[in-house]
Amino acid sequence: MSKKILITGAAGFLGSHLCDRFIKEGYQVIGMDNLITGDMKNIDHLLKRDEFEFFHYDVTNFIHVAGKLDYILHFASPASPIDYLKIPIQTLKVSSIGIFHLLGLAKEKNARILIASTSEVYGDPLVHPQSEDYYGNVNTIGPRGVYDEAKRFQESMTMAYHRFHGLETRIARIFNTYGPRMCLNDGRVIPAFIGQALRGEDLTVFGDGSQTRSFCYVDDQIEGIYRLLLSDYSEPVNIGNPDEITIKQFAEEIIKLTNSNQKIIYKSLPEDDPLKRQPDITRAKEILGWEPKVSRSDGMKISYDYFKSLSQEELFKSEHKDFSKHIKR
């Protein structure tokens, strides 16, 4: 009999790719998403498959799943600054109330649960690169704190269930990931730069461009998450690509990739924006036998082709969702 897995945030960027992967591996997949930031077009190709069920549902409400459940992946959360700064309460709730419901469900079903944490738990780091034993440097009351602290609390709650109830838990600390199905206008670096290049706009760099990021192609990220779920390791594991680059250098790469003649313009750095971001993936290498395989040049070519295929409406709309009805909930 096929194993059954629940994937929250199933209509999102990573969630939809995870649905694909687990169906490919022979699982029965239950996808769940409230569609605040997710998009049904990411999973349209799965809706007619017998191995896939989808529920339009908010995990901050009580969750019931009939029958057995072997695994849970909790990927329901806004993940871009535009999203979590515009819907801060929902961002906090999905990683507090939501994880409480999902951990309870995992306990009821005796299911293993993997949570999507983030490199943002390290905040603006004082050590470089960032390893899992670094506790971070986070401004709890700053604008980004709604995301950073939500994920830190989620980790704490997960480990409490692991220690107190003996629940099988896994924690993936995900660093910047990119690839097809990213929203072009969600404020993250890669879609922002490519979108500006495709629209003929100058590329906007915040600060002086000396801040760094490390970009992991989505296929590598999904492989790391898959291996972590099936491993015997319960503490956090960094999943990311340690190939570090400055934002200014990356903007120059985008201009070259898109064969455009846009300039780079500079704006003030947002509050608490991390100046360094590079994962130490020693733990992932040793425990999972995992490291990224796709080079940035290859991954960016695939991503650029995907973004070029988008409609003019998708290319020119300023934001991918209207959150007005959700602001005060």
C-alpha atoms as a PDB file:
ATOM      1  CA  MET A   1       0.000   0.000   0.000  1.00  0.00           C
ATOM      2  CA  SER A   2       1.307   3.480  -0.892  1.00  0.00           C
ATOM      3  CA  LYS A   3       2.499   5.747   1.871  1.00  0.00           C
ATOM      4  CA  LYS A   4       0.435   8.893   2.389  1.00  0.00           C
ATOM      5  CA  ILE A   5       1.881  12.364   2.913  1.00  0.00           C
ATOM      6  CA  LEU A   6       0.244  15.708   3.751  1.00  0.00           C
ATOM      7  CA  ILE A   7       1.970  18.747   2.238  1.00  0.00           C
ATOM      8  CA  THR A   8       0.820  22.152   3.494  1.00  0.00           C
ATOM      9  CA  GLY A   9       1.513  25.157   1.288  1.00  0.00           C
ATOM     10  CA  ALA A  10       1.052  22.759  -1.623  1.00  0.00           C
ATOM     11  CA  ALA A  11       0.222  25.480  -4.161  1.00  0.00           C
ATOM     12  CA  GLY A  12       3.348  27.456  -3.345  1.00  0.00           C
ATOM     13  CA  PHE A  13       6.750  27.406  -5.013  1.00  0.00           C
ATOM     14  CA  LEU A  14       8.442  24.702  -2.961  1.00  0.00           C
ATOM     15  CA  GLY A  15       5.218  22.973  -1.939  1.00  0.00           C
ATOM     16  CA  SER A  16       4.192  22.282  -5.537  1.00  0.00           C
ATOM     17  CA  HIS A  17       7.607  20.868  -6.410  1.00  0.00           C
ATOM     18  CA  LEU A  18       7.409  18.638  -3.338  1.00  0.00           C
ATOM     19  CA  CYS A  19       4.011  17.356  -4.495  1.00  0.00           C
ATOM     20  CA  ASP A  20       5.585  16.437  -7.830  1.00  0.00           C
ATOM     21  CA  ARG A  21       8.498  14.666  -6.181  1.00  0.00           C
ATOM     22  CA  PHE A  22       6.468  12.556  -3.783  1.00  0.00           C
ATOM     23  CA  ILE A  23       3.986  11.537  -6.467  1.00  0.00           C
ATOM     24  CA  LYS A  24       6.963  10.504  -8.594  1.00  0.00           C
ATOM     25  CA  GLU A  25       8.201   8.416  -5.650  1.00  0.00           C
ATOM     26  CA  GLY A  26       4.864   6.562  -5.459  1.00  0.00           C
ATOM     27  CA  TYR A  27       3.220   8.371  -2.543  1.00  0.00           C
ATOM     28  CA  GLN A  28      -0.409   9.361  -2.107  1.00  0.00           C
ATOM     29  CA  VAL A  29      -0.240  13.133  -1.679  1.00  0.00           C
ATOM     30  CA  ILE A  30      -2.723  15.356   0.133  1.00  0.00           C
ATOM     31  CA  GLY A  31      -2.105  18.994  -0.718  1.00  0.00           C
ATOM     32  CA  MET A  32      -3.433  21.751   1.527  1.00  0.00           C
ATOM     33  CA  ASP A  33      -3.266  25.517   0.967  1.00  0.00           C
ATOM     34  CA  ASN A  34      -5.373  28.555   1.852  1.00  0.00           C
ATOM     35  CA  LEU A  35      -4.148  30.264  -1.355  1.00  0.00           C
ATOM     36  CA  ILE A  36      -3.229  33.553   0.326  1.00  0.00           C
ATOM     37  CA  THR A  37       0.163  33.376  -1.363  1.00  0.00           C
ATOM     38  CA  GLY A  38      -0.127  30.056  -3.215  1.00  0.00           C
ATOM     39  CA  ASP A  39      -1.357  29.771  -6.793  1.00  0.00           C
ATOM     40  CA  MET A  40      -3.474  26.941  -8.181  1.00  0.00           C
ATOM     41  CA  LYS A  41      -1.646  27.110 -11.515  1.00  0.00           C
ATOM     42  CA  ASN A  42       1.316  25.499  -9.733  1.00  0.00           C
ATOM     43  CA  ILE A  43      -0.662  22.300  -9.146  1.00  0.00           C
ATOM     44  CA  ASP A  44      -3.209  22.339 -11.984  1.00  0.00           C
ATOM     45  CA  HIS A  45      -1.308  19.499 -13.640  1.00  0.00           C
ATOM     46  CA  LEU A  46      -1.887  17.307 -10.563  1.00  0.00           C
ATOM     47  CA  LEU A  47      -5.617  17.788 -10.016  1.00  0.00           C
ATOM     48  CA  LYS A  48      -6.749  14.917 -12.255  1.00  0.00           C
ATOM     49  CA  ARG A  49      -4.263  12.425 -10.820  1.00  0.00           C
ATOM     50  CA  ASP A  50      -5.581   9.681  -8.561  1.00  0.00           C
ATOM     51  CA  GLU A  51      -2.513  10.004  -6.341  1.00  0.00           C
ATOM     52  CA  PHE A  52      -3.327  13.626  -5.461  1.00  0.00           C
ATOM     53  CA  GLU A  53      -6.029  15.302  -3.386  1.00  0.00           C
ATOM     54  CA  PHE A  54      -6.243  19.029  -2.745  1.00  0.00           C
ATOM     55  CA  PHE A  55      -7.976  20.860   0.089  1.00  0.00           C
ATOM     56  CA  HIS A  56      -8.418  24.630   0.119  1.00  0.00           C
ATOM     57  CA  TYR A  57      -7.896  25.039   3.840  1.00  0.00           C
ATOM     58  CA  ASP A  58      -6.173  27.222   6.440  1.00  0.00           C
ATOM     59  CA  VAL A  59      -3.977  25.225   8.813  1.00  0.00           C
ATOM     60  CA  THR A  60      -4.504  27.769  11.585  1.00  0.00           C
ATOM     61  CA  ASN A  61      -7.871  26.038  11.965  1.00  0.00           C
ATOM     62  CA  PHE A  62      -8.236  22.548  13.430  1.00  0.00           C
ATOM     63  CA  ILE A  63      -7.043  19.919  10.936  1.00  0.00           C
ATOM     64  CA  HIS A  64      -8.637  16.529  10.383  1.00  0.00           C
ATOM     65  CA  VAL A  65      -7.347  13.967   7.889  1.00  0.00           C
ATOM     66  CA  ALA A  66      -9.237  10.711   7.513  1.00  0.00           C
ATOM     67  CA  GLY A  67      -7.375   7.414   7.602  1.00  0.00           C
ATOM     68  CA  LYS A  68      -3.686   6.771   7.965  1.00  0.00           C
ATOM     69  CA  LEU A  69      -1.008   9.369   7.443  1.00  0.00           C
ATOM     70  CA  ASP A  70       2.690   8.519   7.271  1.00  0.00           C
ATOM     71  CA  TYR A  71       4.341  11.897   6.776  1.00  0.00           C
ATOM     72  CA  ILE A  72       3.614  15.616   7.056  1.00  0.00           C
ATOM     73  CA  LEU A  73       5.552  18.441   5.382  1.00  0.00           C
ATOM     74  CA  HIS A  74       4.704  21.877   6.787  1.00  0.00           C
ATOM     75  CA  PHE A  75       5.459  24.416   4.051  1.00  0.00           C
ATOM     76  CA  ALA A  76       2.513  26.754   4.586  1.00  0.00           C
ATOM     77  CA  SER A  77       3.915  30.222   5.199  1.00  0.00           C
ATOM     78  CA  PRO A  78       4.502  33.481   3.381  1.00  0.00           C
ATOM     79  CA  ALA A  79       8.160  33.415   2.365  1.00  0.00           C
ATOM     80  CA  SER A  80       8.867  36.716   0.647  1.00  0.00           C
ATOM     81  CA  PRO A  81       9.233  40.160   2.243  1.00  0.00           C
ATOM     82  CA  ILE A  82       6.302  41.582   0.274  1.00  0.00           C
ATOM     83  CA  ASP A  83       4.091  38.819   1.636  1.00  0.00           C
ATOM     84  CA  TYR A  84       5.089  38.654   5.278  1.00  0.00           C
ATOM     85  CA  LEU A  85       5.357  42.421   5.705  1.00  0.00           C
ATOM     86  CA  LYS A  86       1.864  42.862   4.274  1.00  0.00           C
ATOM     87  CA  ILE A  87       0.251  40.015   6.234  1.00  0.00           C
ATOM     88  CA  PRO A  88       2.320  39.888   9.441  1.00  0.00           C
ATOM     89  CA  ILE A  89      -0.400  38.395  11.670  1.00  0.00           C
ATOM     90  CA  GLN A  90      -1.039  35.497   9.288  1.00  0.00           C
ATOM     91  CA  THR A  91       2.725  34.922   9.036  1.00  0.00           C
ATOM     92  CA  LEU A  92       2.970  34.587  12.809  1.00  0.00           C
ATOM     93  CA  LYS A  93      -0.143  32.433  13.091  1.00  0.00           C
ATOM     94  CA  VAL A  94       0.817  29.823  10.507  1.00  0.00           C
ATOM     95  CA  SER A  95       4.071  29.063  12.343  1.00  0.00           C
ATOM     96  CA  SER A  96       2.512  29.096  15.808  1.00  0.00           C
ATOM     97  CA  ILE A  97      -1.147  28.036  15.740  1.00  0.00           C
ATOM     98  CA  GLY A  98      -0.600  26.192  12.473  1.00  0.00           C
ATOM     99  CA  ILE A  99       2.369  24.171  13.704  1.00  0.00           C
ATOM    100  CA  PHE A 100       0.507  23.383  16.927  1.00  0.00           C
ATOM    101  CA  HIS A 101      -2.332  21.818  14.905  1.00  0.00           C
ATOM    102  CA  LEU A 102       0.029  19.930  12.617  1.00  0.00           C
ATOM    103  CA  LEU A 103       2.165  18.556  15.429  1.00  0.00           C
ATOM    104  CA  GLY A 104      -1.030  17.403  17.119  1.00  0.00           C
ATOM    105  CA  LEU A 105      -2.105  15.706  13.903  1.00  0.00           C
ATOM    106  CA  ALA A 106       1.296  14.039  13.575  1.00  0.00           C
ATOM    107  CA  LYS A 107       1.006  12.772  17.155  1.00  0.00           C
ATOM    108  CA  GLU A 108      -2.513  11.434  16.536  1.00  0.00           C
ATOM    109  CA  LYS A 109      -1.449   9.645  13.326  1.00  0.00           C
ATOM    110  CA  ASN A 110       1.999   8.594  14.565  1.00  0.00           C
ATOM    111  CA  ALA A 111       3.350  10.370  11.474  1.00  0.00           C
ATOM    112  CA  ARG A 112       6.800  11.851  10.919  1.00  0.00           C
ATOM    113  CA  ILE A 113       6.719  15.618  10.371  1.00  0.00           C
ATOM    114  CA  LEU A 114       9.240  17.849   8.612  1.00  0.00           C
ATOM    115  CA  ILE A 115       8.973  21.614   9.010  1.00  0.00           C
ATOM    116  CA  ALA A 116      10.253  24.251   6.613  1.00  0.00           C
ATOM    117  CA  SER A 117      12.408  26.559   8.655  1.00  0.00           C
ATOM    118  CA  THR A 118      14.642  29.178   7.103  1.00  0.00           C
ATOM    119  CA  SER A 119      18.054  30.791   7.082  1.00  0.00           C
ATOM    120  CA  GLU A 120      16.258  33.844   8.478  1.00  0.00           C
ATOM    121  CA  VAL A 121      16.441  32.250  11.933  1.00  0.00           C
ATOM    122  CA  TYR A 122      20.073  33.437  11.833  1.00  0.00           C
ATOM    123  CA  GLY A 123      18.934  37.044  11.307  1.00  0.00           C
ATOM    124  CA  ASP A 124      21.737  39.416  10.336  1.00  0.00           C
ATOM    125  CA  PRO A 125      24.481  36.959  11.303  1.00  0.00           C
ATOM    126  CA  LEU A 126      27.580  37.740  13.295  1.00  0.00           C
ATOM    127  CA  VAL A 127      29.276  34.520  12.160  1.00  0.00           C
ATOM    128  CA  HIS A 128      30.017  33.470   8.604  1.00  0.00           C
ATOM    129  CA  PRO A 129      29.186  31.062   7.077  1.00  0.00           C
ATOM    130  CA  GLN A 130      26.184  30.061   9.186  1.00  0.00           C
ATOM    131  CA  SER A 131      26.184  26.615  10.776  1.00  0.00           C
ATOM    132  CA  GLU A 132      23.287  24.993  12.621  1.00  0.00           C
ATOM    133  CA  ASP A 133      24.849  25.574  16.044  1.00  0.00           C
ATOM    134  CA  TYR A 134      24.746  29.381  15.587  1.00  0.00           C
ATOM    135  CA  TYR A 135      21.845  30.863  17.556  1.00  0.00           C
ATOM    136  CA  GLY A 136      21.368  33.917  15.358  1.00  0.00           C
ATOM    137  CA  ASN A 137      21.073  37.696  15.642  1.00  0.00           C
ATOM    138  CA  VAL A 138      17.401  38.608  15.255  1.00  0.00           C
ATOM    139  CA  ASN A 139      15.532  41.823  16.024  1.00  0.00           C
ATOM    140  CA  THR A 140      12.364  40.420  17.597  1.00  0.00           C
ATOM    141  CA  ILE A 141      10.380  43.672  17.229  1.00  0.00           C
ATOM    142  CA  GLY A 142      11.652  44.764  13.817  1.00  0.00           C
ATOM    143  CA  PRO A 143       9.499  44.453  10.691  1.00  0.00           C
ATOM    144  CA  ARG A 144      11.205  41.206   9.650  1.00  0.00           C
ATOM    145  CA  GLY A 145      10.723  39.749  13.129  1.00  0.00           C
ATOM    146  CA  VAL A 146       7.257  38.493  12.192  1.00  0.00           C
ATOM    147  CA  TYR A 147       8.879  35.984   9.860  1.00  0.00           C
ATOM    148  CA  ASP A 148      12.168  35.336  11.651  1.00  0.00           C
ATOM    149  CA  GLU A 149      10.619  34.797  15.084  1.00  0.00           C
ATOM    150  CA  ALA A 150       7.703  32.791  13.683  1.00  0.00           C
ATOM    151  CA  LYS A 151      10.172  30.299  12.252  1.00  0.00           C
ATOM    152  CA  ARG A 152      12.271  30.251  15.423  1.00  0.00           C
ATOM    153  CA  PHE A 153       9.169  29.542  17.508  1.00  0.00           C
ATOM    154  CA  GLN A 154       8.149  26.832  15.057  1.00  0.00           C
ATOM    155  CA  GLU A 155      11.490  25.120  15.581  1.00  0.00           C
ATOM    156  CA  SER A 156      11.106  25.342  19.368  1.00  0.00           C
ATOM    157  CA  MET A 157       7.603  23.892  19.286  1.00  0.00           C
ATOM    158  CA  THR A 158       8.727  21.081  16.998  1.00  0.00           C
ATOM    159  CA  MET A 159      11.625  20.110  19.254  1.00  0.00           C
ATOM    160  CA  ALA A 160       9.335  20.238  22.310  1.00  0.00           C
ATOM    161  CA  TYR A 161       7.016  17.667  20.698  1.00  0.00           C
ATOM    162  CA  HIS A 162      10.034  15.588  19.750  1.00  0.00           C
ATOM    163  CA  ARG A 163      11.453  15.572  23.280  1.00  0.00           C
ATOM    164  CA  PHE A 164       8.218  15.405  25.292  1.00  0.00           C
ATOM    165  CA  HIS A 165       6.075  13.145  23.077  1.00  0.00           C
ATOM    166  CA  GLY A 166       8.810  11.243  21.237  1.00  0.00           C
ATOM    167  CA  LEU A 167       7.410  12.509  17.931  1.00  0.00           C
ATOM    168  CA  GLU A 168       9.549  11.904  14.844  1.00  0.00           C
ATOM    169  CA  THR A 169      10.450  15.393  13.632  1.00  0.00           C
ATOM    170  CA  ARG A 170      12.773  16.908  11.028  1.00  0.00           C
ATOM    171  CA  ILE A 171      13.799  20.563  10.594  1.00  0.00           C
ATOM    172  CA  ALA A 172      15.025  21.938   7.241  1.00  0.00           C
ATOM    173  CA  ARG A 173      16.669  25.361   7.402  1.00  0.00           C
ATOM    174  CA  ILE A 174      16.146  26.503   3.839  1.00  0.00           C
ATOM    175  CA  PHE A 175      18.434  29.090   2.252  1.00  0.00           C
ATOM    176  CA  ASN A 176      17.559  31.176  -0.817  1.00  0.00           C
ATOM    177  CA  THR A 177      16.039  28.877  -3.424  1.00  0.00           C
ATOM    178  CA  TYR A 178      14.985  29.685  -6.979  1.00  0.00           C
ATOM    179  CA  GLY A 179      13.544  28.115 -10.092  1.00  0.00           C
ATOM    180  CA  PRO A 180      10.328  27.698 -12.100  1.00  0.00           C
ATOM    181  CA  ARG A 181       7.047  28.578 -10.330  1.00  0.00           C
ATOM    182  CA  MET A 182       8.504  31.409  -8.294  1.00  0.00           C
ATOM    183  CA  CYS A 183       6.206  34.401  -8.366  1.00  0.00           C
ATOM    184  CA  LEU A 184       7.777  37.020 -10.589  1.00  0.00           C
ATOM    185  CA  ASN A 185       6.739  39.936  -8.375  1.00  0.00           C
ATOM    186  CA  ASP A 186       7.105  38.662  -4.823  1.00  0.00           C
ATOM    187  CA  GLY A 187      10.093  40.832  -3.941  1.00  0.00           C
ATOM    188  CA  ARG A 188      12.765  38.131  -3.778  1.00  0.00           C
ATOM    189  CA  VAL A 189      16.061  38.867  -5.499  1.00  0.00           C
ATOM    190  CA  ILE A 190      16.017  36.539  -8.500  1.00  0.00           C
ATOM    191  CA  PRO A 191      12.461  37.121  -9.768  1.00  0.00           C
ATOM    192  CA  ALA A 192      12.774  40.834  -8.976  1.00  0.00           C
ATOM    193  CA  PHE A 193      15.900  41.222 -11.114  1.00  0.00           C
ATOM    194  CA  ILE A 194      14.653  39.040 -13.964  1.00  0.00           C
ATOM    195  CA  GLY A 195      11.272  40.771 -13.943  1.00  0.00           C
ATOM    196  CA  GLN A 196      12.895  44.181 -14.162  1.00  0.00           C
ATOM    197  CA  ALA A 197      15.148  43.029 -17.002  1.00  0.00           C
ATOM    198  CA  LEU A 198      12.224  41.576 -18.960  1.00  0.00           C
ATOM    199  CA  ARG A 199      10.218  44.773 -18.491  1.00  0.00           C
ATOM    200  CA  GLY A 200      13.158  46.918 -19.629  1.00  0.00           C
ATOM    201  CA  GLU A 201      13.555  48.529 -16.209  1.00  0.00           C
ATOM    202  CA  ASP A 202      16.788  49.302 -14.401  1.00  0.00           C
ATOM    203  CA  LEU A 203      17.733  46.741 -11.749  1.00  0.00           C
ATOM    204  CA  THR A 204      17.194  47.900  -8.189  1.00  0.00           C
ATOM    205  CA  VAL A 205      19.900  47.043  -5.673  1.00  0.00           C
ATOM    206  CA  PHE A 206      19.272  47.888  -2.036  1.00  0.00           C
ATOM    207  CA  GLY A 207      22.251  49.215  -0.114  1.00  0.00           C
ATOM    208  CA  ASP A 208      25.603  49.332  -1.887  1.00  0.00           C
ATOM    209  CA  GLY A 209      25.260  45.792  -3.253  1.00  0.00           C
ATOM    210  CA  SER A 210      28.023  44.340  -1.104  1.00  0.00           C
ATOM    211  CA  GLN A 211      25.601  42.164   0.869  1.00  0.00           C
ATOM    212  CA  THR A 212      25.768  38.500  -0.116  1.00  0.00           C
ATOM    213  CA  ARG A 213      23.354  35.689  -0.856  1.00  0.00           C
ATOM    214  CA  SER A 214      23.739  32.023  -1.783  1.00  0.00           C
ATOM    215  CA  PHE A 215      21.222  30.662  -4.286  1.00  0.00           C
ATOM    216  CA  CYS A 216      20.123  27.016  -4.476  1.00  0.00           C
ATOM    217  CA  TYR A 217      18.295  25.627  -7.514  1.00  0.00           C
ATOM    218  CA  VAL A 218      14.925  24.122  -6.665  1.00  0.00           C
ATOM    219  CA  ASP A 219      15.730  20.561  -7.784  1.00  0.00           C
ATOM    220  CA  ASP A 220      18.687  20.468  -5.393  1.00  0.00           C
ATOM    221  CA  GLN A 221      16.551  21.879  -2.588  1.00  0.00           C
ATOM    222  CA  ILE A 222      13.824  19.273  -3.092  1.00  0.00           C
ATOM    223  CA  GLU A 223      16.395  16.471  -3.071  1.00  0.00           C
ATOM    224  CA  GLY A 224      17.815  17.723   0.213  1.00  0.00           C
ATOM    225  CA  ILE A 225      14.379  17.941   1.817  1.00  0.00           C
ATOM    226  CA  TYR A 226      13.484  14.461   0.567  1.00  0.00           C
ATOM    227  CA  ARG A 227      16.637  12.958   2.030  1.00  0.00           C
ATOM    228  CA  LEU A 228      16.155  14.779   5.331  1.00  0.00           C
ATOM    229  CA  LEU A 229      12.595  13.510   5.725  1.00  0.00           C
ATOM    230  CA  LEU A 230      13.733   9.923   5.269  1.00  0.00           C
ATOM    231  CA  SER A 231      16.794  10.305   7.495  1.00  0.00           C
ATOM    232  CA  ASP A 232      17.061   9.518  11.210  1.00  0.00           C
ATOM    233  CA  TYR A 233      18.216  13.017  12.177  1.00  0.00           C
ATOM    234  CA  SER A 234      15.946  15.262  14.254  1.00  0.00           C
ATOM    235  CA  GLU A 235      17.953  18.465  14.707  1.00  0.00           C
ATOM    236  CA  PRO A 236      18.070  21.331  12.172  1.00  0.00           C
ATOM    237  CA  VAL A 237      19.908  20.849   8.885  1.00  0.00           C
ATOM    238  CA  ASN A 238      20.913  23.661   6.525  1.00  0.00           C
ATOM    239  CA  ILE A 239      19.737  22.999   2.969  1.00  0.00           C
ATOM    240  CA  GLY A 240      21.269  25.527   0.611  1.00  0.00           C
ATOM    241  CA  ASN A 241      24.033  26.241  -1.865  1.00  0.00           C
ATOM    242  CA  PRO A 242      27.234  27.670  -0.317  1.00  0.00           C
ATOM    243  CA  ASP A 243      28.231  29.377  -3.593  1.00  0.00           C
ATOM    244  CA  GLU A 244      28.150  32.955  -2.262  1.00  0.00           C
ATOM    245  CA  ILE A 245      27.840  36.080  -4.428  1.00  0.00           C
ATOM    246  CA  THR A 246      27.304  39.782  -3.770  1.00  0.00           C
ATOM    247  CA  ILE A 247      24.018  41.302  -4.868  1.00  0.00           C
ATOM    248  CA  LYS A 248      25.846  43.751  -7.151  1.00  0.00           C
ATOM    249  CA  GLN A 249      27.708  40.893  -8.860  1.00  0.00           C
ATOM    250  CA  PHE A 250      24.465  38.996  -9.222  1.00  0.00           C
ATOM    251  CA  ALA A 251      22.721  41.984 -10.811  1.00  0.00           C
ATOM    252  CA  GLU A 252      25.560  42.142 -13.318  1.00  0.00           C
ATOM    253  CA  GLU A 253      25.090  38.427 -14.056  1.00  0.00           C
ATOM    254  CA  ILE A 254      21.381  39.003 -14.723  1.00  0.00           C
ATOM    255  CA  ILE A 255      22.113  41.843 -17.148  1.00  0.00           C
ATOM    256  CA  LYS A 256      24.495  39.554 -19.008  1.00  0.00           C
ATOM    257  CA  LEU A 257      22.101  36.587 -18.947  1.00  0.00           C
ATOM    258  CA  THR A 258      19.180  38.617 -20.279  1.00  0.00           C
ATOM    259  CA  ASN A 259      21.350  40.414 -22.840  1.00  0.00           C
ATOM    260  CA  SER A 260      19.815  43.696 -21.747  1.00  0.00           C
ATOM    261  CA  ASN A 261      21.350  47.140 -21.371  1.00  0.00           C
ATOM    262  CA  GLN A 262      19.701  48.078 -18.090  1.00  0.00           C
ATOM    263  CA  LYS A 263      21.622  50.000 -15.469  1.00  0.00           C
ATOM    264  CA  ILE A 264      21.874  49.217 -11.769  1.00  0.00           C
ATOM    265  CA  ILE A 265      20.251  51.767  -9.464  1.00  0.00           C
ATOM    266  CA  TYR A 266      20.719  51.863  -5.718  1.00  0.00           C
ATOM    267  CA  LYS A 267      18.174  52.413  -2.943  1.00  0.00           C
ATOM    268  CA  SER A 268      18.341  52.397   0.841  1.00  0.00           C
ATOM    269  CA  LEU A 269      18.802  49.033   2.526  1.00  0.00           C
ATOM    270  CA  PRO A 270      15.633  47.818   4.299  1.00  0.00           C
ATOM    271  CA  GLU A 271      15.708  47.576   8.086  1.00  0.00           C
ATOM    272  CA  ASP A 272      17.406  44.415   9.424  1.00  0.00           C
ATOM    273  CA  ASP A 273      18.191  43.125   5.941  1.00  0.00           C
ATOM    274  CA  PRO A 274      20.968  40.540   6.465  1.00  0.00           C
ATOM    275  CA  LEU A 275      24.360  41.552   5.099  1.00  0.00           C
ATOM    276  CA  LYS A 276      25.734  38.022   4.791  1.00  0.00           C
ATOM    277  CA  ARG A 277      24.070  34.749   3.896  1.00  0.00           C
ATOM    278  CA  GLN A 278      25.990  31.556   3.240  1.00  0.00           C
ATOM    279  CA  PRO A 279      25.140  28.088   4.563  1.00  0.00           C
ATOM    280  CA  ASP A 280      27.632  25.759   6.152  1.00  0.00           C
ATOM    281  CA  ILE A 281      26.354  22.451   4.722  1.00  0.00           C
ATOM    282  CA  THR A 282      28.796  20.155   6.498  1.00  0.00           C
ATOM    283  CA  ARG A 283      25.948  18.511   8.402  1.00  0.00           C
ATOM    284  CA  ALA A 284      23.912  17.884   5.224  1.00  0.00           C
ATOM    285  CA  LYS A 285      26.946  16.357   3.522  1.00  0.00           C
ATOM    286  CA  GLU A 286      27.763  14.072   6.456  1.00  0.00           C
ATOM    287  CA  ILE A 287      24.242  13.002   7.457  1.00  0.00           C
ATOM    288  CA  LEU A 288      22.331  13.125   4.170  1.00  0.00           C
ATOM    289  CA  GLY A 289      25.102  12.629   1.648  1.00  0.00           C
ATOM    290  CA  TRP A 290      23.692  15.743  -0.004  1.00  0.00           C
ATOM    291  CA  GLU A 291      25.171  18.768  -1.695  1.00  0.00           C
ATOM    292  CA  PRO A 292      23.955  20.932  -4.583  1.00  0.00           C
ATOM    293  CA  LYS A 293      24.585  19.671  -8.109  1.00  0.00           C
ATOM    294  CA  VAL A 294      23.137  22.426 -10.316  1.00  0.00           C
ATOM    295  CA  SER A 295      25.417  25.396 -10.998  1.00  0.00           C
ATOM    296  CA  ARG A 296      24.005  28.899 -10.752  1.00  0.00           C
ATOM    297  CA  SER A 297      24.630  29.478 -14.463  1.00  0.00           C
ATOM    298  CA  ASP A 298      22.657  26.365 -15.453  1.00  0.00           C
ATOM    299  CA  GLY A 299      19.867  26.981 -12.956  1.00  0.00           C
ATOM    300  CA  MET A 300      19.506  30.604 -13.986  1.00  0.00           C
ATOM    301  CA  LYS A 301      19.205  29.694 -17.670  1.00  0.00           C
ATOM    302  CA  ILE A 302      16.300  27.355 -16.837  1.00  0.00           C
ATOM    303  CA  SER A 303      14.698  29.964 -14.594  1.00  0.00           C
ATOM    304  CA  TYR A 304      15.073  32.727 -17.157  1.00  0.00           C
ATOM    305  CA  ASP A 305      13.410  30.604 -19.831  1.00  0.00           C
ATOM    306  CA  TYR A 306      10.524  29.976 -17.419  1.00  0.00           C
ATOM    307  CA  PHE A 307      10.044  33.665 -16.645  1.00  0.00           C
ATOM    308  CA  LYS A 308      10.237  34.577 -20.343  1.00  0.00           C
ATOM    309  CA  SER A 309       7.327  32.191 -20.982  1.00  0.00           C
ATOM    310  CA  LEU A 310       4.995  34.085 -18.626  1.00  0.00           C
ATOM    311  CA  SER A 311       2.152  36.181 -20.002  1.00  0.00           C
ATOM    312  CA  GLN A 312       2.367  39.954 -20.308  1.00  0.00           C
ATOM    313  CA  GLU A 313      -0.228  40.221 -17.538  1.00  0.00           C
ATOM    314  CA  GLU A 314       1.967  38.228 -15.155  1.00  0.00           C
ATOM    315  CA  LEU A 315       5.044  40.147 -16.220  1.00  0.00           C
ATOM    316  CA  PHE A 316       3.625  43.617 -15.608  1.00  0.00           C
ATOM    317  CA  LYS A 317       1.356  43.197 -12.600  1.00  0.00           C
ATOM    318  CA  SER A 318       2.899  44.894  -9.577  1.00  0.00           C
ATOM    319  CA  GLU A 319       1.972  42.278  -6.997  1.00  0.00           C
ATOM    320  CA  HIS A 320       0.858  38.675  -7.243  1.00  0.00           C
ATOM    321  CA  LYS A 321      -1.908  38.809  -4.644  1.00  0.00           C
ATOM    322  CA  ASP A 322      -4.379  41.258  -3.148  1.00  0.00           C
ATOM    323  CA  PHE A 323      -4.092  40.774   0.603  1.00  0.00           C
ATOM    324  CA  SER A 324      -6.469  43.604   1.560  1.00  0.00           C
ATOM    325  CA  LYS A 325      -9.156  41.291   2.874  1.00  0.00           C
ATOM    326  CA  HIS A 326      -6.671  39.520   5.125  1.00  0.00           C
ATOM    327  CA  ILE A 327      -4.889  42.469   6.745  1.00  0.00           C
ATOM    328  CA  LYS A 328      -6.819  42.794  10.017  1.00  0.00           C
ATOM    329  CA  ARG A 329      -7.836  39.237  10.715  1.00  0.00           C
END
